[in-house]
Amino acid sequence: MFAGLASARDLRVTGTGRVEAFSDGVFAIAITLLVLEIHVPDTAEIRAAGGLVRALLPLWPAFLSYLASFLTIGVIWLNHHRVFTVIVKVDRTLNWWNLMLLLTVAFIPFPNALVAQTLLEGVQSADARAAAAIYGVVFTLATMPWVFIWLHVRRHPELMGHHVAAAQWRIYILRPVIGLAIFAAAALLGLFLPVAALLLYIGLAVFFAL
């Protein structure tokens, strides 16, 4: 009896309005927190550097990591918005996979801070390489829920707003799989060339946006 009730609750579907609203809030907070890692030089630092511009120039790693993180979160949000124009209903499992996606998105400010801080201390230091790799691992984890979201929706086409052909399903699932492979490769590159890895993350964000 209780198993039957649990099964009925699992199969219950709702609209996407609350999911989208909550998700947008998480995206907005995560993307806003990124700017906190850009340090404003104080008066003593500006004087020691010989001017504001000279004091800002050494902060380029923080600006670079901010750009990479902002673009990546932005692209994830754009994809999320696009996906929920195709998916018109959610069930409990889809809600959980969406939460797993938001879990990684909300965590991105942390590796962003690691990269910004360690690159400021030395662009080829062991800590900078480790931070760049961790950065890539987090982006890889942020891509993974998309695979399971599409696999689940494929098993439950009633969550979709229209019929999807088999070829389109392959595209939906293949895109995040490709993203997983590329972000994993970028994480590996970060172990050797942290700045190059950051530039690759920016390039990937632009690529996926287009």
C-alpha atoms as a PDB file:
ATOM      1  CA  MET A   1       0.000   0.000   0.000  1.00  0.00           C
ATOM      2  CA  PHE A   2       2.688   2.479   1.045  1.00  0.00           C
ATOM      3  CA  ALA A   3       4.796   1.512  -1.981  1.00  0.00           C
ATOM      4  CA  GLY A   4       1.821   2.272  -4.198  1.00  0.00           C
ATOM      5  CA  LEU A   5       1.395   5.711  -2.612  1.00  0.00           C
ATOM      6  CA  ALA A   6       5.087   6.482  -3.032  1.00  0.00           C
ATOM      7  CA  SER A   7       4.920   5.427  -6.664  1.00  0.00           C
ATOM      8  CA  ALA A   8       1.934   7.710  -7.246  1.00  0.00           C
ATOM      9  CA  ARG A   9       3.786  10.668  -5.749  1.00  0.00           C
ATOM     10  CA  ASP A  10       6.865   9.931  -7.879  1.00  0.00           C
ATOM     11  CA  LEU A  11       4.767  10.011 -11.024  1.00  0.00           C
ATOM     12  CA  ARG A  12       3.061  13.288 -10.132  1.00  0.00           C
ATOM     13  CA  VAL A  13       4.055  16.074 -12.495  1.00  0.00           C
ATOM     14  CA  THR A  14       3.742  19.843 -12.170  1.00  0.00           C
ATOM     15  CA  GLY A  15       4.459  22.888 -14.280  1.00  0.00           C
ATOM     16  CA  THR A  16       7.957  24.328 -14.565  1.00  0.00           C
ATOM     17  CA  GLY A  17       7.208  27.788 -13.169  1.00  0.00           C
ATOM     18  CA  ARG A  18       8.531  27.262  -9.644  1.00  0.00           C
ATOM     19  CA  VAL A  19      11.559  25.317 -10.895  1.00  0.00           C
ATOM     20  CA  GLU A  20      12.508  28.086 -13.295  1.00  0.00           C
ATOM     21  CA  ALA A  21      11.982  30.846 -10.706  1.00  0.00           C
ATOM     22  CA  PHE A  22      14.072  29.072  -8.064  1.00  0.00           C
ATOM     23  CA  SER A  23      16.782  28.229 -10.591  1.00  0.00           C
ATOM     24  CA  ASP A  24      16.967  31.821 -11.831  1.00  0.00           C
ATOM     25  CA  GLY A  25      17.495  32.964  -8.247  1.00  0.00           C
ATOM     26  CA  VAL A  26      20.415  30.562  -7.774  1.00  0.00           C
ATOM     27  CA  PHE A  27      21.995  31.619 -11.068  1.00  0.00           C
ATOM     28  CA  ALA A  28      21.640  35.305 -10.152  1.00  0.00           C
ATOM     29  CA  ILE A  29      23.253  34.864  -6.732  1.00  0.00           C
ATOM     30  CA  ALA A  30      26.114  32.696  -8.049  1.00  0.00           C
ATOM     31  CA  ILE A  31      26.961  35.082 -10.866  1.00  0.00           C
ATOM     32  CA  THR A  32      26.853  38.089  -8.528  1.00  0.00           C
ATOM     33  CA  LEU A  33      29.193  36.517  -5.976  1.00  0.00           C
ATOM     34  CA  LEU A  34      31.945  36.250  -8.597  1.00  0.00           C
ATOM     35  CA  VAL A  35      32.729  39.963  -8.512  1.00  0.00           C
ATOM     36  CA  LEU A  36      33.610  39.785  -4.815  1.00  0.00           C
ATOM     37  CA  GLU A  37      36.956  38.239  -5.774  1.00  0.00           C
ATOM     38  CA  ILE A  38      38.044  41.407  -7.614  1.00  0.00           C
ATOM     39  CA  HIS A  39      39.933  43.399  -5.015  1.00  0.00           C
ATOM     40  CA  VAL A  40      39.798  47.200  -5.137  1.00  0.00           C
ATOM     41  CA  PRO A  41      43.296  48.563  -4.410  1.00  0.00           C
ATOM     42  CA  ASP A  42      43.455  50.802  -1.380  1.00  0.00           C
ATOM     43  CA  THR A  43      45.184  54.181  -1.317  1.00  0.00           C
ATOM     44  CA  ALA A  44      48.485  52.760  -0.069  1.00  0.00           C
ATOM     45  CA  GLU A  45      48.568  50.137  -2.835  1.00  0.00           C
ATOM     46  CA  ILE A  46      47.802  52.741  -5.496  1.00  0.00           C
ATOM     47  CA  ARG A  47      50.590  54.990  -4.242  1.00  0.00           C
ATOM     48  CA  ALA A  48      53.064  52.109  -4.005  1.00  0.00           C
ATOM     49  CA  ALA A  49      52.271  51.043  -7.563  1.00  0.00           C
ATOM     50  CA  GLY A  50      52.570  54.567  -8.910  1.00  0.00           C
ATOM     51  CA  GLY A  51      48.964  55.070  -9.930  1.00  0.00           C
ATOM     52  CA  LEU A  52      45.583  53.390 -10.197  1.00  0.00           C
ATOM     53  CA  VAL A  53      46.189  51.761 -13.578  1.00  0.00           C
ATOM     54  CA  ARG A  54      49.470  50.235 -12.448  1.00  0.00           C
ATOM     55  CA  ALA A  55      47.792  48.974  -9.282  1.00  0.00           C
ATOM     56  CA  LEU A  56      45.033  47.313 -11.333  1.00  0.00           C
ATOM     57  CA  LEU A  57      47.271  45.614 -13.903  1.00  0.00           C
ATOM     58  CA  PRO A  58      48.570  42.881 -11.538  1.00  0.00           C
ATOM     59  CA  LEU A  59      44.944  41.918 -10.844  1.00  0.00           C
ATOM     60  CA  TRP A  60      44.474  40.546 -14.381  1.00  0.00           C
ATOM     61  CA  PRO A  61      44.147  36.912 -13.159  1.00  0.00           C
ATOM     62  CA  ALA A  62      41.116  37.901 -11.071  1.00  0.00           C
ATOM     63  CA  PHE A  63      39.532  39.624 -14.074  1.00  0.00           C
ATOM     64  CA  LEU A  64      40.293  36.625 -16.299  1.00  0.00           C
ATOM     65  CA  SER A  65      38.802  34.080 -13.893  1.00  0.00           C
ATOM     66  CA  TYR A  66      35.783  36.361 -13.395  1.00  0.00           C
ATOM     67  CA  LEU A  67      35.211  36.495 -17.148  1.00  0.00           C
ATOM     68  CA  ALA A  68      35.518  32.713 -17.529  1.00  0.00           C
ATOM     69  CA  SER A  69      33.163  32.017 -14.623  1.00  0.00           C
ATOM     70  CA  PHE A  70      30.637  34.695 -15.604  1.00  0.00           C
ATOM     71  CA  LEU A  71      30.439  33.452 -19.186  1.00  0.00           C
ATOM     72  CA  THR A  72      30.156  29.817 -18.117  1.00  0.00           C
ATOM     73  CA  ILE A  73      27.373  30.457 -15.609  1.00  0.00           C
ATOM     74  CA  GLY A  74      25.703  32.679 -18.185  1.00  0.00           C
ATOM     75  CA  VAL A  75      25.791  29.937 -20.818  1.00  0.00           C
ATOM     76  CA  ILE A  76      24.440  27.375 -18.341  1.00  0.00           C
ATOM     77  CA  TRP A  77      21.579  29.785 -17.594  1.00  0.00           C
ATOM     78  CA  LEU A  78      20.887  30.325 -21.302  1.00  0.00           C
ATOM     79  CA  ASN A  79      20.807  26.564 -21.867  1.00  0.00           C
ATOM     80  CA  HIS A  80      18.602  26.106 -18.811  1.00  0.00           C
ATOM     81  CA  HIS A  81      16.152  28.683 -20.147  1.00  0.00           C
ATOM     82  CA  ARG A  82      16.129  27.039 -23.572  1.00  0.00           C
ATOM     83  CA  VAL A  83      15.661  23.549 -22.118  1.00  0.00           C
ATOM     84  CA  PHE A  84      12.625  24.640 -20.136  1.00  0.00           C
ATOM     85  CA  THR A  85      10.955  25.948 -23.252  1.00  0.00           C
ATOM     86  CA  VAL A  86      11.072  22.338 -24.479  1.00  0.00           C
ATOM     87  CA  ILE A  87      10.362  20.639 -21.152  1.00  0.00           C
ATOM     88  CA  VAL A  88       6.976  21.858 -19.934  1.00  0.00           C
ATOM     89  CA  LYS A  89       6.438  19.584 -16.907  1.00  0.00           C
ATOM     90  CA  VAL A  90       8.629  18.271 -14.105  1.00  0.00           C
ATOM     91  CA  ASP A  91       8.413  15.265 -11.820  1.00  0.00           C
ATOM     92  CA  ARG A  92      10.319  14.478  -8.624  1.00  0.00           C
ATOM     93  CA  THR A  93      13.308  12.907 -10.399  1.00  0.00           C
ATOM     94  CA  LEU A  94      13.695  15.823 -12.790  1.00  0.00           C
ATOM     95  CA  ASN A  95      13.498  18.209  -9.848  1.00  0.00           C
ATOM     96  CA  TRP A  96      16.365  16.357  -8.185  1.00  0.00           C
ATOM     97  CA  TRP A  97      18.545  16.437 -11.295  1.00  0.00           C
ATOM     98  CA  ASN A  98      17.863  20.151 -11.615  1.00  0.00           C
ATOM     99  CA  LEU A  99      18.939  20.571  -7.976  1.00  0.00           C
ATOM    100  CA  MET A 100      22.167  18.706  -8.736  1.00  0.00           C
ATOM    101  CA  LEU A 101      22.817  21.173 -11.535  1.00  0.00           C
ATOM    102  CA  LEU A 102      22.166  24.106  -9.197  1.00  0.00           C
ATOM    103  CA  LEU A 103      24.414  22.513  -6.571  1.00  0.00           C
ATOM    104  CA  THR A 104      27.390  22.806  -8.909  1.00  0.00           C
ATOM    105  CA  VAL A 105      26.417  26.244 -10.217  1.00  0.00           C
ATOM    106  CA  ALA A 106      26.183  27.651  -6.685  1.00  0.00           C
ATOM    107  CA  PHE A 107      29.649  26.185  -5.968  1.00  0.00           C
ATOM    108  CA  ILE A 108      31.397  27.882  -8.933  1.00  0.00           C
ATOM    109  CA  PRO A 109      32.328  31.051  -6.962  1.00  0.00           C
ATOM    110  CA  PHE A 110      34.581  28.896  -4.771  1.00  0.00           C
ATOM    111  CA  PRO A 111      36.901  27.531  -7.507  1.00  0.00           C
ATOM    112  CA  ASN A 112      36.745  30.983  -9.116  1.00  0.00           C
ATOM    113  CA  ALA A 113      38.138  32.438  -5.888  1.00  0.00           C
ATOM    114  CA  LEU A 114      40.805  29.728  -5.730  1.00  0.00           C
ATOM    115  CA  VAL A 115      41.975  30.451  -9.264  1.00  0.00           C
ATOM    116  CA  ALA A 116      41.976  34.223  -8.778  1.00  0.00           C
ATOM    117  CA  GLN A 117      43.964  34.022  -5.537  1.00  0.00           C
ATOM    118  CA  THR A 118      46.521  31.433  -6.609  1.00  0.00           C
ATOM    119  CA  LEU A 119      47.216  33.029 -10.006  1.00  0.00           C
ATOM    120  CA  LEU A 120      47.902  36.318  -8.268  1.00  0.00           C
ATOM    121  CA  GLU A 121      50.588  34.524  -6.271  1.00  0.00           C
ATOM    122  CA  GLY A 122      52.192  32.966  -9.364  1.00  0.00           C
ATOM    123  CA  VAL A 123      50.733  31.933 -12.713  1.00  0.00           C
ATOM    124  CA  GLN A 124      52.751  28.729 -12.870  1.00  0.00           C
ATOM    125  CA  SER A 125      52.818  27.847  -9.201  1.00  0.00           C
ATOM    126  CA  ALA A 126      51.756  24.388  -8.054  1.00  0.00           C
ATOM    127  CA  ASP A 127      48.756  25.917  -6.290  1.00  0.00           C
ATOM    128  CA  ALA A 128      47.664  27.770  -9.442  1.00  0.00           C
ATOM    129  CA  ARG A 129      47.846  24.562 -11.480  1.00  0.00           C
ATOM    130  CA  ALA A 130      45.857  22.662  -8.852  1.00  0.00           C
ATOM    131  CA  ALA A 131      43.244  25.452  -8.680  1.00  0.00           C
ATOM    132  CA  ALA A 132      42.844  25.516 -12.475  1.00  0.00           C
ATOM    133  CA  ALA A 133      42.327  21.760 -12.477  1.00  0.00           C
ATOM    134  CA  ILE A 134      39.748  21.963  -9.657  1.00  0.00           C
ATOM    135  CA  TYR A 135      38.028  24.710 -11.631  1.00  0.00           C
ATOM    136  CA  GLY A 136      37.712  22.373 -14.606  1.00  0.00           C
ATOM    137  CA  VAL A 137      36.478  19.492 -12.457  1.00  0.00           C
ATOM    138  CA  VAL A 138      33.666  21.677 -11.092  1.00  0.00           C
ATOM    139  CA  PHE A 139      32.646  22.655 -14.632  1.00  0.00           C
ATOM    140  CA  THR A 140      32.729  18.995 -15.605  1.00  0.00           C
ATOM    141  CA  LEU A 141      30.433  18.158 -12.694  1.00  0.00           C
ATOM    142  CA  ALA A 142      28.148  21.037 -13.698  1.00  0.00           C
ATOM    143  CA  THR A 143      27.770  19.470 -17.152  1.00  0.00           C
ATOM    144  CA  MET A 144      26.963  15.986 -15.884  1.00  0.00           C
ATOM    145  CA  PRO A 145      23.369  16.630 -14.693  1.00  0.00           C
ATOM    146  CA  TRP A 146      22.374  17.614 -18.228  1.00  0.00           C
ATOM    147  CA  VAL A 147      23.043  14.064 -19.412  1.00  0.00           C
ATOM    148  CA  PHE A 148      20.759  12.605 -16.756  1.00  0.00           C
ATOM    149  CA  ILE A 149      18.112  15.277 -17.303  1.00  0.00           C
ATOM    150  CA  TRP A 150      17.811  14.353 -20.980  1.00  0.00           C
ATOM    151  CA  LEU A 151      17.981  10.618 -20.312  1.00  0.00           C
ATOM    152  CA  HIS A 152      15.156  10.933 -17.789  1.00  0.00           C
ATOM    153  CA  VAL A 153      13.005  13.087 -20.049  1.00  0.00           C
ATOM    154  CA  ARG A 154      13.540  10.656 -22.896  1.00  0.00           C
ATOM    155  CA  ARG A 155      12.115   7.903 -20.694  1.00  0.00           C
ATOM    156  CA  HIS A 156       9.202  10.189 -19.791  1.00  0.00           C
ATOM    157  CA  PRO A 157       8.221  12.024 -22.985  1.00  0.00           C
ATOM    158  CA  GLU A 158       5.044  13.250 -21.295  1.00  0.00           C
ATOM    159  CA  LEU A 159       7.266  15.931 -19.720  1.00  0.00           C
ATOM    160  CA  MET A 160       7.948  17.395 -23.159  1.00  0.00           C
ATOM    161  CA  GLY A 161       5.781  19.954 -24.873  1.00  0.00           C
ATOM    162  CA  HIS A 162       5.955  18.228 -28.246  1.00  0.00           C
ATOM    163  CA  HIS A 163       7.125  15.055 -29.956  1.00  0.00           C
ATOM    164  CA  VAL A 164      10.888  14.754 -30.385  1.00  0.00           C
ATOM    165  CA  ALA A 165      12.413  12.670 -33.168  1.00  0.00           C
ATOM    166  CA  ALA A 166      15.057  10.053 -32.380  1.00  0.00           C
ATOM    167  CA  ALA A 167      17.746  12.085 -34.153  1.00  0.00           C
ATOM    168  CA  GLN A 168      16.986  15.123 -31.990  1.00  0.00           C
ATOM    169  CA  TRP A 169      17.212  13.014 -28.828  1.00  0.00           C
ATOM    170  CA  ARG A 170      20.721  11.969 -29.840  1.00  0.00           C
ATOM    171  CA  ILE A 171      21.686  15.625 -30.229  1.00  0.00           C
ATOM    172  CA  TYR A 172      20.197  16.561 -26.849  1.00  0.00           C
ATOM    173  CA  ILE A 173      22.205  13.827 -25.094  1.00  0.00           C
ATOM    174  CA  LEU A 174      25.369  14.110 -27.196  1.00  0.00           C
ATOM    175  CA  ARG A 175      25.913  17.818 -26.492  1.00  0.00           C
ATOM    176  CA  PRO A 176      26.497  17.490 -22.730  1.00  0.00           C
ATOM    177  CA  VAL A 177      28.564  14.341 -23.291  1.00  0.00           C
ATOM    178  CA  ILE A 178      30.859  16.333 -25.583  1.00  0.00           C
ATOM    179  CA  GLY A 179      30.949  19.077 -22.965  1.00  0.00           C
ATOM    180  CA  LEU A 180      31.997  16.558 -20.315  1.00  0.00           C
ATOM    181  CA  ALA A 181      34.916  15.386 -22.445  1.00  0.00           C
ATOM    182  CA  ILE A 182      36.095  18.915 -23.283  1.00  0.00           C
ATOM    183  CA  PHE A 183      35.862  20.238 -19.717  1.00  0.00           C
ATOM    184  CA  ALA A 184      37.701  17.161 -18.447  1.00  0.00           C
ATOM    185  CA  ALA A 185      40.449  17.845 -21.000  1.00  0.00           C
ATOM    186  CA  ALA A 186      40.561  21.500 -19.902  1.00  0.00           C
ATOM    187  CA  ALA A 187      40.916  20.397 -16.275  1.00  0.00           C
ATOM    188  CA  LEU A 188      43.864  18.238 -17.304  1.00  0.00           C
ATOM    189  CA  LEU A 189      45.393  21.182 -19.187  1.00  0.00           C
ATOM    190  CA  GLY A 190      45.045  23.257 -16.019  1.00  0.00           C
ATOM    191  CA  LEU A 191      47.500  20.951 -14.278  1.00  0.00           C
ATOM    192  CA  PHE A 192      50.184  22.209 -16.665  1.00  0.00           C
ATOM    193  CA  LEU A 193      49.075  25.582 -18.069  1.00  0.00           C
ATOM    194  CA  PRO A 194      46.583  27.350 -15.787  1.00  0.00           C
ATOM    195  CA  VAL A 195      46.211  30.517 -17.877  1.00  0.00           C
ATOM    196  CA  ALA A 196      45.759  28.509 -21.088  1.00  0.00           C
ATOM    197  CA  ALA A 197      43.073  26.481 -19.330  1.00  0.00           C
ATOM    198  CA  LEU A 198      41.238  29.667 -18.339  1.00  0.00           C
ATOM    199  CA  LEU A 199      41.354  30.907 -21.921  1.00  0.00           C
ATOM    200  CA  LEU A 200      39.993  27.540 -23.044  1.00  0.00           C
ATOM    201  CA  TYR A 201      37.119  27.829 -20.555  1.00  0.00           C
ATOM    202  CA  ILE A 202      36.276  31.245 -22.032  1.00  0.00           C
ATOM    203  CA  GLY A 203      36.445  29.805 -25.541  1.00  0.00           C
ATOM    204  CA  LEU A 204      34.180  26.924 -24.535  1.00  0.00           C
ATOM    205  CA  ALA A 205      31.629  29.305 -23.065  1.00  0.00           C
ATOM    206  CA  VAL A 206      31.537  31.312 -26.293  1.00  0.00           C
ATOM    207  CA  PHE A 207      31.328  28.112 -28.342  1.00  0.00           C
ATOM    208  CA  PHE A 208      28.420  26.678 -26.357  1.00  0.00           C
ATOM    209  CA  ALA A 209      26.675  30.059 -26.398  1.00  0.00           C
ATOM    210  CA  LEU A 210      26.765  30.041 -30.183  1.00  0.00           C
END
